[in-house]
């Protein structure tokens, strides 16, 4: 996806970016029972009404480019905090910074 990836505190945080060269690499999953799985993931990411606002992550549908394939509209969890003091992972790949 077009964005920037940061080291939060032992886990990644992605944000959107206006820079078309800024990319976040990841994995895409097709899920069955989408609504129930998304509810579970929202709870895991603590972005449901039971958790205090502002949430650390927000789920949003964004355009994602697939290598040698079309763009897809995918749900992603975007980091919802200030990133100015976080380390930017320039590669966009959390497993291979």
C-alpha atoms as a PDB file:
ATOM      1  CA  UNK A   1       0.000   0.000   0.000  1.00  0.00           C
ATOM      2  CA  UNK A   2       1.092   3.580  -0.398  1.00  0.00           C
ATOM      3  CA  UNK A   3       2.256   4.610   3.044  1.00  0.00           C
ATOM      4  CA  UNK A   4       5.019   4.587   5.622  1.00  0.00           C
ATOM      5  CA  UNK A   5       5.825   1.950   8.205  1.00  0.00           C
ATOM      6  CA  UNK A   6       7.141   2.651  11.711  1.00  0.00           C
ATOM      7  CA  UNK A   7       8.527   0.685  14.643  1.00  0.00           C
ATOM      8  CA  UNK A   8       6.067   1.363  17.460  1.00  0.00           C
ATOM      9  CA  UNK A   9       7.132  -0.714  20.477  1.00  0.00           C
ATOM     10  CA  UNK A  10       8.016  -4.149  19.176  1.00  0.00           C
ATOM     11  CA  UNK A  11       5.242  -4.084  16.579  1.00  0.00           C
ATOM     12  CA  UNK A  12       4.596  -2.213  13.302  1.00  0.00           C
ATOM     13  CA  UNK A  13       2.460   0.829  12.668  1.00  0.00           C
ATOM     14  CA  UNK A  14       1.536   1.872   9.119  1.00  0.00           C
ATOM     15  CA  UNK A  15       0.208   5.243   8.062  1.00  0.00           C
ATOM     16  CA  UNK A  16      -0.972   6.527   4.695  1.00  0.00           C
ATOM     17  CA  UNK A  17       1.355   8.793   2.726  1.00  0.00           C
ATOM     18  CA  UNK A  18       0.912  11.228  -0.156  1.00  0.00           C
ATOM     19  CA  UNK A  19       4.334  10.155  -1.477  1.00  0.00           C
ATOM     20  CA  UNK A  20       3.767   7.554  -4.247  1.00  0.00           C
ATOM     21  CA  UNK A  21       7.286   6.184  -3.645  1.00  0.00           C
ATOM     22  CA  UNK A  22       6.504   5.390   0.014  1.00  0.00           C
ATOM     23  CA  UNK A  23       5.321   1.798   0.236  1.00  0.00           C
ATOM     24  CA  UNK A  24       4.300  -0.605   2.994  1.00  0.00           C
ATOM     25  CA  UNK A  25       4.751  -4.273   2.146  1.00  0.00           C
ATOM     26  CA  UNK A  26       2.581  -6.943   3.681  1.00  0.00           C
ATOM     27  CA  UNK A  27       0.347  -9.909   3.136  1.00  0.00           C
ATOM     28  CA  UNK A  28      -3.183 -10.074   1.786  1.00  0.00           C
ATOM     29  CA  UNK A  29      -5.695 -12.596   3.059  1.00  0.00           C
ATOM     30  CA  UNK A  30      -9.095 -13.510   1.697  1.00  0.00           C
ATOM     31  CA  UNK A  31     -11.297 -14.251   4.678  1.00  0.00           C
ATOM     32  CA  UNK A  32     -14.525 -16.152   5.008  1.00  0.00           C
ATOM     33  CA  UNK A  33     -17.099 -15.002   7.530  1.00  0.00           C
ATOM     34  CA  UNK A  34     -15.674 -11.510   6.999  1.00  0.00           C
ATOM     35  CA  UNK A  35     -17.900  -9.647   9.441  1.00  0.00           C
ATOM     36  CA  UNK A  36     -17.183 -11.932  12.376  1.00  0.00           C
ATOM     37  CA  UNK A  37     -13.444 -12.109  11.637  1.00  0.00           C
ATOM     38  CA  UNK A  38     -13.233  -8.315  11.342  1.00  0.00           C
ATOM     39  CA  UNK A  39     -15.020  -7.977  14.690  1.00  0.00           C
ATOM     40  CA  UNK A  40     -12.417 -10.242  16.275  1.00  0.00           C
ATOM     41  CA  UNK A  41      -9.559  -8.343  14.641  1.00  0.00           C
ATOM     42  CA  UNK A  42     -11.044  -5.004  15.727  1.00  0.00           C
ATOM     43  CA  UNK A  43     -11.148  -6.273  19.310  1.00  0.00           C
ATOM     44  CA  UNK A  44      -7.546  -7.507  19.039  1.00  0.00           C
ATOM     45  CA  UNK A  45      -6.421  -4.101  17.715  1.00  0.00           C
ATOM     46  CA  UNK A  46      -8.512  -2.415  20.444  1.00  0.00           C
ATOM     47  CA  UNK A  47     -10.506  -0.279  18.028  1.00  0.00           C
ATOM     48  CA  UNK A  48     -14.012  -1.157  19.158  1.00  0.00           C
ATOM     49  CA  UNK A  49     -16.363   1.080  21.173  1.00  0.00           C
ATOM     50  CA  UNK A  50     -15.351  -0.678  24.424  1.00  0.00           C
ATOM     51  CA  UNK A  51     -11.852   0.810  24.222  1.00  0.00           C
ATOM     52  CA  UNK A  52     -11.027   4.424  25.053  1.00  0.00           C
ATOM     53  CA  UNK A  53     -10.639   6.877  22.210  1.00  0.00           C
ATOM     54  CA  UNK A  54      -8.637   7.807  20.341  1.00  0.00           C
ATOM     55  CA  UNK A  55      -7.838   4.264  19.320  1.00  0.00           C
ATOM     56  CA  UNK A  56      -4.245   3.310  18.560  1.00  0.00           C
ATOM     57  CA  UNK A  57      -5.354   1.791  15.244  1.00  0.00           C
ATOM     58  CA  UNK A  58      -8.185   2.516  12.826  1.00  0.00           C
ATOM     59  CA  UNK A  59      -9.447   0.009  10.292  1.00  0.00           C
ATOM     60  CA  UNK A  60      -9.798   1.514   6.825  1.00  0.00           C
ATOM     61  CA  UNK A  61     -10.288   0.182   3.315  1.00  0.00           C
ATOM     62  CA  UNK A  62      -7.396   1.281   1.082  1.00  0.00           C
ATOM     63  CA  UNK A  63      -6.096   0.544  -2.405  1.00  0.00           C
ATOM     64  CA  UNK A  64      -3.351  -2.077  -2.326  1.00  0.00           C
ATOM     65  CA  UNK A  65      -1.100  -2.921  -5.258  1.00  0.00           C
ATOM     66  CA  UNK A  66      -0.361  -6.568  -5.906  1.00  0.00           C
ATOM     67  CA  UNK A  67       2.913  -7.583  -7.581  1.00  0.00           C
ATOM     68  CA  UNK A  68       2.098  -8.356 -11.209  1.00  0.00           C
ATOM     69  CA  UNK A  69      -1.605  -7.947 -10.558  1.00  0.00           C
ATOM     70  CA  UNK A  70      -4.459  -5.493 -10.131  1.00  0.00           C
ATOM     71  CA  UNK A  71      -5.050  -3.059  -7.321  1.00  0.00           C
ATOM     72  CA  UNK A  72      -7.337  -4.412  -4.632  1.00  0.00           C
ATOM     73  CA  UNK A  73      -9.447  -2.670  -2.020  1.00  0.00           C
ATOM     74  CA  UNK A  74      -8.277  -4.158   1.288  1.00  0.00           C
ATOM     75  CA  UNK A  75      -8.967  -3.566   4.957  1.00  0.00           C
ATOM     76  CA  UNK A  76      -5.859  -2.355   6.794  1.00  0.00           C
ATOM     77  CA  UNK A  77      -5.228  -1.196  10.337  1.00  0.00           C
ATOM     78  CA  UNK A  78      -3.621   2.241  10.248  1.00  0.00           C
ATOM     79  CA  UNK A  79      -1.634   3.592  13.174  1.00  0.00           C
ATOM     80  CA  UNK A  80      -3.545   6.493  14.727  1.00  0.00           C
ATOM     81  CA  UNK A  81      -0.878   8.219  16.826  1.00  0.00           C
ATOM     82  CA  UNK A  82       1.915  10.742  16.326  1.00  0.00           C
ATOM     83  CA  UNK A  83       4.845   9.111  14.506  1.00  0.00           C
ATOM     84  CA  UNK A  84       7.345  11.970  14.837  1.00  0.00           C
ATOM     85  CA  UNK A  85       9.368  10.150  17.519  1.00  0.00           C
ATOM     86  CA  UNK A  86       9.132   6.686  15.931  1.00  0.00           C
ATOM     87  CA  UNK A  87      11.726   5.013  13.697  1.00  0.00           C
ATOM     88  CA  UNK A  88      10.628   4.957  10.070  1.00  0.00           C
ATOM     89  CA  UNK A  89      11.208   1.560   8.435  1.00  0.00           C
ATOM     90  CA  UNK A  90      12.287   2.818   5.030  1.00  0.00           C
ATOM     91  CA  UNK A  91      12.058  -0.591   3.350  1.00  0.00           C
ATOM     92  CA  UNK A  92       8.354  -0.736   4.227  1.00  0.00           C
ATOM     93  CA  UNK A  93       8.869  -4.364   5.242  1.00  0.00           C
ATOM     94  CA  UNK A  94       8.711  -5.044   8.984  1.00  0.00           C
ATOM     95  CA  UNK A  95      10.383  -8.441   8.698  1.00  0.00           C
ATOM     96  CA  UNK A  96      13.219  -7.079   6.537  1.00  0.00           C
ATOM     97  CA  UNK A  97      13.843  -3.513   7.684  1.00  0.00           C
END
